């Protein structure tokens, strides 16, 4: 009888037979792969892999060879990690692009001149008389004149032995009798500006590019805020960015020349224990805070002709690097700072970022802003007042913290307390496009200037020779160094040519390293690909 069915009815357990067939096929595939790997190890061009499948070696000898290969592989991974680490470290580099960049294309910096005397005696006496008239107890002006010396501690000078209660009592009087009707809080900034020495008394004559200029125009000296309070600042609006060859401001006679009145007739309270004045060189768009990293501070002696030679260094970044994160390139492009608030009016710079971080800490710890700080660095200032005499103990207690700033912390044993006491500003990085100014100083007796000036010029200053000081600021050379931040190495360059140190200096490549450790080559790559394609 002929069967017309395809069923395997004569097999008692058809599913069991199917499992056995699948297992046999699986064993066949595994056996084939094992044979292929054995064949690969036996014939591959890489070093000593055939020892792992050599039938003439016993199991212990094969284990020794396996240990050798594992150790070699670990060492290879460590060396390649070192190479990669150096590759990443050199991925973005700063190269000298033009060592002779014309100086007339470099912006002239702002020059802030600060009298060491922070409170004018004449202004303090006038204000003391006004407070005496307002005082219901009719205390004499001498009492208030002595108490106005307390204002020097708003500059965080802490050598006056005054109790906190004395500060509070005098501040309570000022809050009541020295606050205008339209003011909610005592305006420390307004009073500090009133008491500060006037720029017209400090600066007597000015020259720029060898020509006499008006000292107090929009483009020359203006009273502005610095970390020393109100000072006289030249070029507050960055007016001297591009100049012609004649106005390069190079050499001593063709730069900025300022005759200063450095007499002691109007001295009342000094901020520093030096017999001189303070000069701050800074970018016009940077708040002149000498503790924030980008401003150069000099202390000049009275009665001398001082020469400040400027050396400019420009660093600009290839726009193609904007695709990298700021952490990788270690700088911020304009308007890239992630902590910008909407509506903020400040220009990003490393110095401004540090100052902003310091202001935020002051507000958090003392609930006030020192009057000399630039409030444009904060957008939320509602309810925050200028620091008064009542805040002096708090300001002095955190002075060390605000004077020591960290942007990166690497924990080291024994430095935990130092990390806690310092101000931590991890969000601050340098600007990608930046101009840095270095300053060198030389001074000569004032006799040289007097001998080279006419009687008319000297009489115009209205000063005796012993009351006169001269400041000259100029570019030292007719050119500057121009650097660019670019991609140093691409990944394929690292594969082709990479020099590293381990443990001595010798040239090598990733290919050379793998060849030394494993005998690796392009032939081995084709051997492995051939195996994969035939599995």
Foldseek 3Di string as FASTA:
>chain_A
DDDPDPDPVVDPDVVVVVVVVVVVVVVVVVVVLVVLVLVCQCPFLWPPSNVLNDPVDDPVSNVVVVVLLVVLVVVLVVVVVQQVVVQLVQQKDKDFDDFFAFLLQAFAWKKWWFFLQQFWQVLLLVVLCVLLVQDPVNDHSVVSSVVVLLVLLLLVDPPDPDDLVVLVVVLVSCQVRVDDPPDPGRAPLVVSVSGGDDPCQWWQWKDAQQHTDDQDDPQQWDFAFASSGTTTMHGLPSPRNHDDPSRSQADFNHHMKIKTQLDCPGHDDGNDPDQFIKMKTAHSQAHHYPLQPFIDMDTDHAQWEKEKAKAKEWEAEDPVCVVPDCVSLQADEWPRQPPDDPPQDGTDFLSLLLLLLLQVVCCVQQVEGASRRDCSSDDPCPPHYHDGSSSSVSCNVLVVQSSAEDLDDDDDPPCPVVVVSHRYRVSGTGHNTDMGMDIDMDIDGCVVVVVVDDPVVVVSSVDDSSRIYMYTYGHHDSGHTYMYIDGRDDPVRQQVWTWDPDPHGDTDGSVRSCCVSIVDDVSSVVSVVVSVVVD
